[in-house]
PDB file of N, CA and C in Angstrom:
ATOM      1  N   MET A   1      -2.085 -18.750  11.915  1.00  0.00           N
ATOM      2  CA  MET A   1      -1.811 -18.267  13.253  1.00  0.00           C
ATOM      3  C   MET A   1      -2.544 -16.944  13.470  1.00  0.00           C
ATOM      4  N   THR A   2      -3.230 -16.815  14.571  1.00  0.00           N
ATOM      5  CA  THR A   2      -3.942 -15.586  14.906  1.00  0.00           C
ATOM      6  C   THR A   2      -3.242 -14.893  16.058  1.00  0.00           C
ATOM      7  N   THR A   3      -3.028 -13.606  15.891  1.00  0.00           N
ATOM      8  CA  THR A   3      -2.427 -12.799  16.939  1.00  0.00           C
ATOM      9  C   THR A   3      -3.485 -11.837  17.449  1.00  0.00           C
ATOM     10  N   THR A   4      -3.551 -11.659  18.755  1.00  0.00           N
ATOM     11  CA  THR A   4      -4.569 -10.782  19.325  1.00  0.00           C
ATOM     12  C   THR A   4      -3.961  -9.804  20.320  1.00  0.00           C
ATOM     13  N   TYR A   5      -4.691  -8.725  20.553  1.00  0.00           N
ATOM     14  CA  TYR A   5      -4.349  -7.756  21.596  1.00  0.00           C
ATOM     15  C   TYR A   5      -5.652  -7.300  22.218  1.00  0.00           C
ATOM     16  N   SER A   6      -5.672  -7.231  23.520  1.00  0.00           N
ATOM     17  CA  SER A   6      -6.821  -6.700  24.242  1.00  0.00           C
ATOM     18  C   SER A   6      -6.295  -5.895  25.418  1.00  0.00           C
ATOM     19  N   GLY A   7      -6.615  -4.594  25.424  1.00  0.00           N
ATOM     20  CA  GLY A   7      -6.136  -3.759  26.512  1.00  0.00           C
ATOM     21  C   GLY A   7      -6.265  -2.289  26.189  1.00  0.00           C
ATOM     22  N   PRO A   8      -5.554  -1.455  26.950  1.00  0.00           N
ATOM     23  CA  PRO A   8      -5.679  -0.006  26.787  1.00  0.00           C
ATOM     24  C   PRO A   8      -5.130   0.466  25.439  1.00  0.00           C
ATOM     25  N   ALA A   9      -5.740   1.530  24.921  1.00  0.00           N
ATOM     26  CA  ALA A   9      -5.306   2.120  23.654  1.00  0.00           C
ATOM     27  C   ALA A   9      -5.757   3.572  23.605  1.00  0.00           C
ATOM     28  N   LYS A  10      -5.138   4.324  22.696  1.00  0.00           N
ATOM     29  CA  LYS A  10      -5.542   5.709  22.440  1.00  0.00           C
ATOM     30  C   LYS A  10      -5.825   5.840  20.957  1.00  0.00           C
ATOM     31  N   LEU A  11      -6.956   6.424  20.638  1.00  0.00           N
ATOM     32  CA  LEU A  11      -7.324   6.682  19.250  1.00  0.00           C
ATOM     33  C   LEU A  11      -7.091   8.160  18.981  1.00  0.00           C
ATOM     34  N   THR A  12      -6.238   8.465  18.003  1.00  0.00           N
ATOM     35  CA  THR A  12      -5.952   9.849  17.640  1.00  0.00           C
ATOM     36  C   THR A  12      -6.743  10.190  16.385  1.00  0.00           C
ATOM     37  N   LEU A  13      -7.613  11.188  16.512  1.00  0.00           N
ATOM     38  CA  LEU A  13      -8.467  11.595  15.403  1.00  0.00           C
ATOM     39  C   LEU A  13      -7.682  12.480  14.433  1.00  0.00           C
ATOM     40  N   VAL A  14      -8.258  12.729  13.276  1.00  0.00           N
ATOM     41  CA  VAL A  14      -7.605  13.518  12.239  1.00  0.00           C
ATOM     42  C   VAL A  14      -7.234  14.912  12.745  1.00  0.00           C
ATOM     43  N   ASP A  15      -8.073  15.494  13.623  1.00  0.00           N
ATOM     44  CA  ASP A  15      -7.792  16.842  14.142  1.00  0.00           C
ATOM     45  C   ASP A  15      -6.763  16.839  15.273  1.00  0.00           C
ATOM     46  N   GLY A  16      -6.232  15.654  15.627  1.00  0.00           N
ATOM     47  CA  GLY A  16      -5.214  15.552  16.666  1.00  0.00           C
ATOM     48  C   GLY A  16      -5.744  15.224  18.042  1.00  0.00           C
ATOM     49  N   ALA A  17      -7.060  15.223  18.221  1.00  0.00           N
ATOM     50  CA  ALA A  17      -7.647  14.888  19.524  1.00  0.00           C
ATOM     51  C   ALA A  17      -7.391  13.420  19.847  1.00  0.00           C
ATOM     52  N   CYS A  18      -7.007  13.145  21.108  1.00  0.00           N
ATOM     53  CA  CYS A  18      -6.756  11.773  21.562  1.00  0.00           C
ATOM     54  C   CYS A  18      -7.894  11.312  22.462  1.00  0.00           C
ATOM     55  N   ILE A  19      -8.353  10.098  22.227  1.00  0.00           N
ATOM     56  CA  ILE A  19      -9.415   9.514  23.040  1.00  0.00           C
ATOM     57  C   ILE A  19      -8.906   8.189  23.593  1.00  0.00           C
ATOM     58  N   SER A  20      -8.882   8.069  24.910  1.00  0.00           N
ATOM     59  CA  SER A  20      -8.449   6.834  25.562  1.00  0.00           C
ATOM     60  C   SER A  20      -9.595   5.842  25.612  1.00  0.00           C
ATOM     61  N   GLY A  21      -9.242   4.566  25.675  1.00  0.00           N
ATOM     62  CA  GLY A  21     -10.255   3.529  25.775  1.00  0.00           C
ATOM     63  C   GLY A  21      -9.617   2.156  25.787  1.00  0.00           C
ATOM     64  N   MET A  22     -10.422   1.157  25.493  1.00  0.00           N
ATOM     65  CA  MET A  22      -9.967  -0.232  25.468  1.00  0.00           C
ATOM     66  C   MET A  22     -10.152  -0.781  24.056  1.00  0.00           C
ATOM     67  N   ALA A  23      -9.123  -1.477  23.577  1.00  0.00           N
ATOM     68  CA  ALA A  23      -9.164  -2.068  22.240  1.00  0.00           C
ATOM     69  C   ALA A  23      -9.138  -3.583  22.345  1.00  0.00           C
ATOM     70  N   SER A  24      -9.808  -4.208  21.398  1.00  0.00           N
ATOM     71  CA  SER A  24      -9.763  -5.653  21.243  1.00  0.00           C
ATOM     72  C   SER A  24      -9.481  -5.905  19.764  1.00  0.00           C
ATOM     73  N   LEU A  25      -8.263  -6.380  19.459  1.00  0.00           N
ATOM     74  CA  LEU A  25      -7.805  -6.472  18.079  1.00  0.00           C
ATOM     75  C   LEU A  25      -7.320  -7.874  17.752  1.00  0.00           C
ATOM     76  N   SER A  26      -7.354  -8.209  16.473  1.00  0.00           N
ATOM     77  CA  SER A  26      -6.801  -9.484  16.031  1.00  0.00           C
ATOM     78  C   SER A  26      -6.365  -9.382  14.579  1.00  0.00           C
ATOM     79  N   THR A  27      -5.450 -10.253  14.200  1.00  0.00           N
ATOM     80  CA  THR A  27      -5.044 -10.348  12.807  1.00  0.00           C
ATOM     81  C   THR A  27      -5.881 -11.425  12.149  1.00  0.00           C
ATOM     82  N   ASN A  28      -5.977 -11.340  10.835  1.00  0.00           N
ATOM     83  CA  ASN A  28      -6.668 -12.390  10.096  1.00  0.00           C
ATOM     84  C   ASN A  28      -5.932 -12.643   8.798  1.00  0.00           C
ATOM     85  N   GLN A  29      -5.992 -13.851   8.357  1.00  0.00           N
ATOM     86  CA  GLN A  29      -5.382 -14.238   7.091  1.00  0.00           C
ATOM     87  C   GLN A  29      -6.427 -14.994   6.294  1.00  0.00           C
ATOM     88  N   ARG A  30      -7.022 -14.289   5.332  1.00  0.00           N
ATOM     89  CA  ARG A  30      -8.054 -14.909   4.511  1.00  0.00           C
ATOM     90  C   ARG A  30      -7.661 -14.760   3.048  1.00  0.00           C
ATOM     91  N   GLY A  31      -7.603 -15.854   2.346  1.00  0.00           N
ATOM     92  CA  GLY A  31      -7.305 -15.805   0.930  1.00  0.00           C
ATOM     93  C   GLY A  31      -5.936 -15.216   0.624  1.00  0.00           C
ATOM     94  N   GLY A  32      -4.986 -15.381   1.524  1.00  0.00           N
ATOM     95  CA  GLY A  32      -3.647 -14.879   1.302  1.00  0.00           C
ATOM     96  C   GLY A  32      -3.476 -13.401   1.609  1.00  0.00           C
ATOM     97  N   ILE A  33      -4.529 -12.735   2.047  1.00  0.00           N
ATOM     98  CA  ILE A  33      -4.438 -11.312   2.382  1.00  0.00           C
ATOM     99  C   ILE A  33      -4.298 -11.165   3.885  1.00  0.00           C
ATOM    100  N   ASN A  34      -3.243 -10.504   4.304  1.00  0.00           N
ATOM    101  CA  ASN A  34      -3.043 -10.260   5.735  1.00  0.00           C
ATOM    102  C   ASN A  34      -3.749  -8.977   6.106  1.00  0.00           C
ATOM    103  N   GLY A  35      -4.433  -8.985   7.217  1.00  0.00           N
ATOM    104  CA  GLY A  35      -5.106  -7.789   7.685  1.00  0.00           C
ATOM    105  C   GLY A  35      -5.309  -7.866   9.177  1.00  0.00           C
ATOM    106  N   TRP A  36      -5.778  -6.775   9.727  1.00  0.00           N
ATOM    107  CA  TRP A  36      -6.061  -6.764  11.155  1.00  0.00           C
ATOM    108  C   TRP A  36      -7.182  -5.763  11.415  1.00  0.00           C
ATOM    109  N   GLY A  37      -7.810  -5.908  12.550  1.00  0.00           N
ATOM    110  CA  GLY A  37      -8.889  -5.013  12.919  1.00  0.00           C
ATOM    111  C   GLY A  37      -9.467  -5.429  14.251  1.00  0.00           C
ATOM    112  N   GLY A  38     -10.588  -4.821  14.599  1.00  0.00           N
ATOM    113  CA  GLY A  38     -11.233  -5.148  15.860  1.00  0.00           C
ATOM    114  C   GLY A  38     -12.141  -4.040  16.316  1.00  0.00           C
ATOM    115  N   THR A  39     -12.204  -3.855  17.624  1.00  0.00           N
ATOM    116  CA  THR A  39     -13.105  -2.857  18.191  1.00  0.00           C
ATOM    117  C   THR A  39     -12.368  -1.972  19.187  1.00  0.00           C
ATOM    118  N   PHE A  40     -12.942  -0.794  19.403  1.00  0.00           N
ATOM    119  CA  PHE A  40     -12.413   0.175  20.363  1.00  0.00           C
ATOM    120  C   PHE A  40     -13.593   0.703  21.161  1.00  0.00           C
ATOM    121  N   ARG A  41     -13.488   0.643  22.494  1.00  0.00           N
ATOM    122  CA  ARG A  41     -14.534   1.168  23.377  1.00  0.00           C
ATOM    123  C   ARG A  41     -13.971   2.407  24.061  1.00  0.00           C
ATOM    124  N   PRO A  42     -14.387   3.602  23.609  1.00  0.00           N
ATOM    125  CA  PRO A  42     -13.821   4.836  24.164  1.00  0.00           C
ATOM    126  C   PRO A  42     -14.297   5.109  25.584  1.00  0.00           C
ATOM    127  N   ASP A  43     -13.419   5.788  26.352  1.00  0.00           N
ATOM    128  CA  ASP A  43     -13.786   6.210  27.705  1.00  0.00           C
ATOM    129  C   ASP A  43     -14.796   7.351  27.668  1.00  0.00           C
ATOM    130  N   GLU A  44     -14.756   8.157  26.593  1.00  0.00           N
ATOM    131  CA  GLU A  44     -15.710   9.247  26.430  1.00  0.00           C
ATOM    132  C   GLU A  44     -16.150   9.309  24.975  1.00  0.00           C
ATOM    133  N   ILE A  45     -17.361   9.767  24.769  1.00  0.00           N
ATOM    134  CA  ILE A  45     -17.916   9.874  23.420  1.00  0.00           C
ATOM    135  C   ILE A  45     -17.994  11.352  23.053  1.00  0.00           C
ATOM    136  N   THR A  46     -17.354  11.703  21.939  1.00  0.00           N
ATOM    137  CA  THR A  46     -17.368  13.091  21.485  1.00  0.00           C
ATOM    138  C   THR A  46     -17.991  13.171  20.099  1.00  0.00           C
ATOM    139  N   THR A  47     -18.394  14.364  19.706  1.00  0.00           N
ATOM    140  CA  THR A  47     -18.939  14.574  18.367  1.00  0.00           C
ATOM    141  C   THR A  47     -17.892  14.230  17.319  1.00  0.00           C
ATOM    142  N   GLU A  48     -16.620  14.559  17.617  1.00  0.00           N
ATOM    143  CA  GLU A  48     -15.543  14.276  16.681  1.00  0.00           C
ATOM    144  C   GLU A  48     -15.378  12.781  16.472  1.00  0.00           C
ATOM    145  N   LEU A  49     -15.540  12.036  17.534  1.00  0.00           N
ATOM    146  CA  LEU A  49     -15.439  10.583  17.426  1.00  0.00           C
ATOM    147  C   LEU A  49     -16.590  10.046  16.587  1.00  0.00           C
ATOM    148  N   ARG A  50     -17.788  10.546  16.810  1.00  0.00           N
ATOM    149  CA  ARG A  50     -18.944  10.085  16.029  1.00  0.00           C
ATOM    150  C   ARG A  50     -18.779  10.370  14.541  1.00  0.00           C
ATOM    151  N   ASP A  51     -18.016  11.425  14.207  1.00  0.00           N
ATOM    152  CA  ASP A  51     -17.795  11.798  12.810  1.00  0.00           C
ATOM    153  C   ASP A  51     -16.516  11.195  12.232  1.00  0.00           C
ATOM    154  N   ALA A  52     -15.798  10.403  13.015  1.00  0.00           N
ATOM    155  CA  ALA A  52     -14.504   9.861  12.592  1.00  0.00           C
ATOM    156  C   ALA A  52     -14.669   8.922  11.396  1.00  0.00           C
ATOM    157  N   GLY A  53     -13.630   8.891  10.571  1.00  0.00           N
ATOM    158  CA  GLY A  53     -13.671   8.050   9.371  1.00  0.00           C
ATOM    159  C   GLY A  53     -12.368   7.323   9.132  1.00  0.00           C
ATOM    160  N   GLU A  54     -11.595   7.817   8.165  1.00  0.00           N
ATOM    161  CA  GLU A  54     -10.386   7.122   7.736  1.00  0.00           C
ATOM    162  C   GLU A  54      -9.122   7.835   8.201  1.00  0.00           C
ATOM    163  N   GLY A  55      -8.024   7.068   8.224  1.00  0.00           N
ATOM    164  CA  GLY A  55      -6.708   7.627   8.490  1.00  0.00           C
ATOM    165  C   GLY A  55      -6.443   8.023   9.929  1.00  0.00           C
ATOM    166  N   LEU A  56      -7.034   7.301  10.880  1.00  0.00           N
ATOM    167  CA  LEU A  56      -6.812   7.583  12.301  1.00  0.00           C
ATOM    168  C   LEU A  56      -5.628   6.768  12.806  1.00  0.00           C
ATOM    169  N   GLN A  57      -5.067   7.182  13.922  1.00  0.00           N
ATOM    170  CA  GLN A  57      -3.953   6.456  14.524  1.00  0.00           C
ATOM    171  C   GLN A  57      -4.419   5.779  15.811  1.00  0.00           C
ATOM    172  N   LEU A  58      -4.098   4.511  15.956  1.00  0.00           N
ATOM    173  CA  LEU A  58      -4.401   3.772  17.176  1.00  0.00           C
ATOM    174  C   LEU A  58      -3.080   3.467  17.857  1.00  0.00           C
ATOM    175  N   GLU A  59      -2.903   4.010  19.077  1.00  0.00           N
ATOM    176  CA  GLU A  59      -1.656   3.822  19.810  1.00  0.00           C
ATOM    177  C   GLU A  59      -1.864   2.829  20.937  1.00  0.00           C
ATOM    178  N   LEU A  60      -1.006   1.822  20.953  1.00  0.00           N
ATOM    179  CA  LEU A  60      -1.019   0.809  21.999  1.00  0.00           C
ATOM    180  C   LEU A  60       0.149   1.088  22.942  1.00  0.00           C
ATOM    181  N   PRO A  61       0.203   0.421  24.097  1.00  0.00           N
ATOM    182  CA  PRO A  61       1.330   0.632  25.010  1.00  0.00           C
ATOM    183  C   PRO A  61       2.679   0.415  24.317  1.00  0.00           C
ATOM    184  N   TYR A  62       3.698   1.024  24.855  1.00  0.00           N
ATOM    185  CA  TYR A  62       5.073   0.937  24.361  1.00  0.00           C
ATOM    186  C   TYR A  62       5.227   1.591  22.988  1.00  0.00           C
ATOM    187  N   ASP A  63       4.439   2.649  22.748  1.00  0.00           N
ATOM    188  CA  ASP A  63       4.549   3.449  21.522  1.00  0.00           C
ATOM    189  C   ASP A  63       4.347   2.656  20.240  1.00  0.00           C
ATOM    190  N   ARG A  64       3.543   1.631  20.297  1.00  0.00           N
ATOM    191  CA  ARG A  64       3.210   0.879  19.083  1.00  0.00           C
ATOM    192  C   ARG A  64       1.980   1.537  18.469  1.00  0.00           C
ATOM    193  N   VAL A  65       2.081   1.924  17.194  1.00  0.00           N
ATOM    194  CA  VAL A  65       1.029   2.690  16.533  1.00  0.00           C
ATOM    195  C   VAL A  65       0.639   2.027  15.220  1.00  0.00           C
ATOM    196  N   GLY A  66      -0.657   2.031  14.929  1.00  0.00           N
ATOM    197  CA  GLY A  66      -1.165   1.534  13.655  1.00  0.00           C
ATOM    198  C   GLY A  66      -2.202   2.492  13.102  1.00  0.00           C
ATOM    199  N   THR A  67      -2.353   2.478  11.786  1.00  0.00           N
ATOM    200  CA  THR A  67      -3.353   3.306  11.122  1.00  0.00           C
ATOM    201  C   THR A  67      -4.641   2.506  10.988  1.00  0.00           C
ATOM    202  N   VAL A  68      -5.769   3.142  11.320  1.00  0.00           N
ATOM    203  CA  VAL A  68      -7.061   2.458  11.269  1.00  0.00           C
ATOM    204  C   VAL A  68      -8.122   3.331  10.604  1.00  0.00           C
ATOM    205  N   ASP A  69      -9.142   2.670  10.089  1.00  0.00           N
ATOM    206  CA  ASP A  69     -10.333   3.321   9.563  1.00  0.00           C
ATOM    207  C   ASP A  69     -11.518   2.866  10.406  1.00  0.00           C
ATOM    208  N   VAL A  70     -12.447   3.771  10.678  1.00  0.00           N
ATOM    209  CA  VAL A  70     -13.676   3.411  11.383  1.00  0.00           C
ATOM    210  C   VAL A  70     -14.626   2.790  10.367  1.00  0.00           C
ATOM    211  N   THR A  71     -15.085   1.569  10.642  1.00  0.00           N
ATOM    212  CA  THR A  71     -15.993   0.884   9.727  1.00  0.00           C
ATOM    213  C   THR A  71     -17.417   0.807  10.262  1.00  0.00           C
ATOM    214  N   GLY A  72     -17.613   1.195  11.523  1.00  0.00           N
ATOM    215  CA  GLY A  72     -18.952   1.173  12.089  1.00  0.00           C
ATOM    216  C   GLY A  72     -18.942   1.563  13.550  1.00  0.00           C
ATOM    217  N   MET A  73     -20.127   1.900  14.055  1.00  0.00           N
ATOM    218  CA  MET A  73     -20.301   2.232  15.467  1.00  0.00           C
ATOM    219  C   MET A  73     -21.650   1.715  15.917  1.00  0.00           C
ATOM    220  N   ARG A  74     -21.685   1.264  17.167  1.00  0.00           N
ATOM    221  CA  ARG A  74     -22.981   0.872  17.732  1.00  0.00           C
ATOM    222  C   ARG A  74     -22.978   1.143  19.221  1.00  0.00           C
ATOM    223  N   LYS A  75     -24.164   1.483  19.717  1.00  0.00           N
ATOM    224  CA  LYS A  75     -24.325   1.734  21.149  1.00  0.00           C
ATOM    225  C   LYS A  75     -24.342   0.415  21.896  1.00  0.00           C
ATOM    226  N   LEU A  76     -23.606   0.380  23.016  1.00  0.00           N
ATOM    227  CA  LEU A  76     -23.650  -0.782  23.893  1.00  0.00           C
ATOM    228  C   LEU A  76     -24.664  -0.540  24.994  1.00  0.00           C
ATOM    229  N   LEU A  77     -24.521   0.582  25.637  1.00  0.00           N
ATOM    230  CA  LEU A  77     -25.444   1.012  26.680  1.00  0.00           C
ATOM    231  C   LEU A  77     -25.730   2.488  26.415  1.00  0.00           C
ATOM    232  N   ALA A  78     -26.501   3.109  27.250  1.00  0.00           N
ATOM    233  CA  ALA A  78     -26.822   4.521  27.052  1.00  0.00           C
ATOM    234  C   ALA A  78     -25.572   5.394  27.022  1.00  0.00           C
ATOM    235  N   THR A  79     -24.517   4.963  27.725  1.00  0.00           N
ATOM    236  CA  THR A  79     -23.320   5.795  27.812  1.00  0.00           C
ATOM    237  C   THR A  79     -22.095   5.170  27.161  1.00  0.00           C
ATOM    238  N   GLN A  80     -22.246   4.034  26.456  1.00  0.00           N
ATOM    239  CA  GLN A  80     -21.085   3.375  25.855  1.00  0.00           C
ATOM    240  C   GLN A  80     -21.269   3.184  24.365  1.00  0.00           C
ATOM    241  N   LEU A  81     -20.147   3.282  23.642  1.00  0.00           N
ATOM    242  CA  LEU A  81     -20.138   3.138  22.200  1.00  0.00           C
ATOM    243  C   LEU A  81     -19.056   2.127  21.838  1.00  0.00           C
ATOM    244  N   LEU A  82     -19.335   1.263  20.874  1.00  0.00           N
ATOM    245  CA  LEU A  82     -18.350   0.312  20.385  1.00  0.00           C
ATOM    246  C   LEU A  82     -18.029   0.690  18.946  1.00  0.00           C
ATOM    247  N   VAL A  83     -16.757   0.998  18.696  1.00  0.00           N
ATOM    248  CA  VAL A  83     -16.297   1.448  17.389  1.00  0.00           C
ATOM    249  C   VAL A  83     -15.589   0.274  16.697  1.00  0.00           C
ATOM    250  N   SER A  84     -16.035  -0.063  15.495  1.00  0.00           N
ATOM    251  CA  SER A  84     -15.381  -1.121  14.709  1.00  0.00           C
ATOM    252  C   SER A  84     -14.266  -0.498  13.887  1.00  0.00           C
ATOM    253  N   LEU A  85     -13.103  -1.158  13.886  1.00  0.00           N
ATOM    254  CA  LEU A  85     -11.933  -0.635  13.197  1.00  0.00           C
ATOM    255  C   LEU A  85     -11.369  -1.653  12.211  1.00  0.00           C
ATOM    256  N   ALA A  86     -10.847  -1.145  11.096  1.00  0.00           N
ATOM    257  CA  ALA A  86     -10.108  -1.948  10.138  1.00  0.00           C
ATOM    258  C   ALA A  86      -8.706  -1.358  10.049  1.00  0.00           C
ATOM    259  N   GLY A  87      -7.689  -2.185  10.281  1.00  0.00           N
ATOM    260  CA  GLY A  87      -6.321  -1.698  10.267  1.00  0.00           C
ATOM    261  C   GLY A  87      -5.747  -1.621   8.868  1.00  0.00           C
ATOM    262  N   ARG A  88      -4.780  -0.730   8.721  1.00  0.00           N
ATOM    263  CA  ARG A  88      -4.035  -0.594   7.463  1.00  0.00           C
ATOM    264  C   ARG A  88      -2.564  -0.825   7.763  1.00  0.00           C
ATOM    265  N   GLY A  89      -1.891  -1.550   6.908  1.00  0.00           N
ATOM    266  CA  GLY A  89      -0.474  -1.793   7.125  1.00  0.00           C
ATOM    267  C   GLY A  89      -0.244  -2.859   8.181  1.00  0.00           C
ATOM    268  N   PRO A  90       0.988  -2.940   8.681  1.00  0.00           N
ATOM    269  CA  PRO A  90       1.306  -3.966   9.672  1.00  0.00           C
ATOM    270  C   PRO A  90       0.594  -3.733  11.005  1.00  0.00           C
ATOM    271  N   ALA A  91       0.210  -4.821  11.637  1.00  0.00           N
ATOM    272  CA  ALA A  91      -0.458  -4.738  12.939  1.00  0.00           C
ATOM    273  C   ALA A  91       0.534  -4.255  13.993  1.00  0.00           C
ATOM    274  N   PRO A  92       0.099  -3.362  14.904  1.00  0.00           N
ATOM    275  CA  PRO A  92       1.004  -2.831  15.931  1.00  0.00           C
ATOM    276  C   PRO A  92       1.126  -3.723  17.168  1.00  0.00           C
ATOM    277  N   PHE A  93       0.691  -4.960  17.070  1.00  0.00           N
ATOM    278  CA  PHE A  93       0.762  -5.862  18.225  1.00  0.00           C
ATOM    279  C   PHE A  93       1.376  -7.189  17.839  1.00  0.00           C
TER     280      PHE A  93
END
């Protein structure tokens, strides 16, 4: 069974800065290991976001929060960035 979430989210960086954007997340079950991850498209791109790594918080509506690590970034357009995320612990959706 695959569970997904697509909608608004806030990414909280290690320094406490919050960045709003849109998340597209899903769970996966491969080889008996449960995990989740997906992408985050921020509303604004900051230097702190470009330097982001591990131990970030992703907040979804209704105060659902999960811990994520940034696994990659790529430019979509001149002004947009797509951040790849890997979740830790239970999925918040």
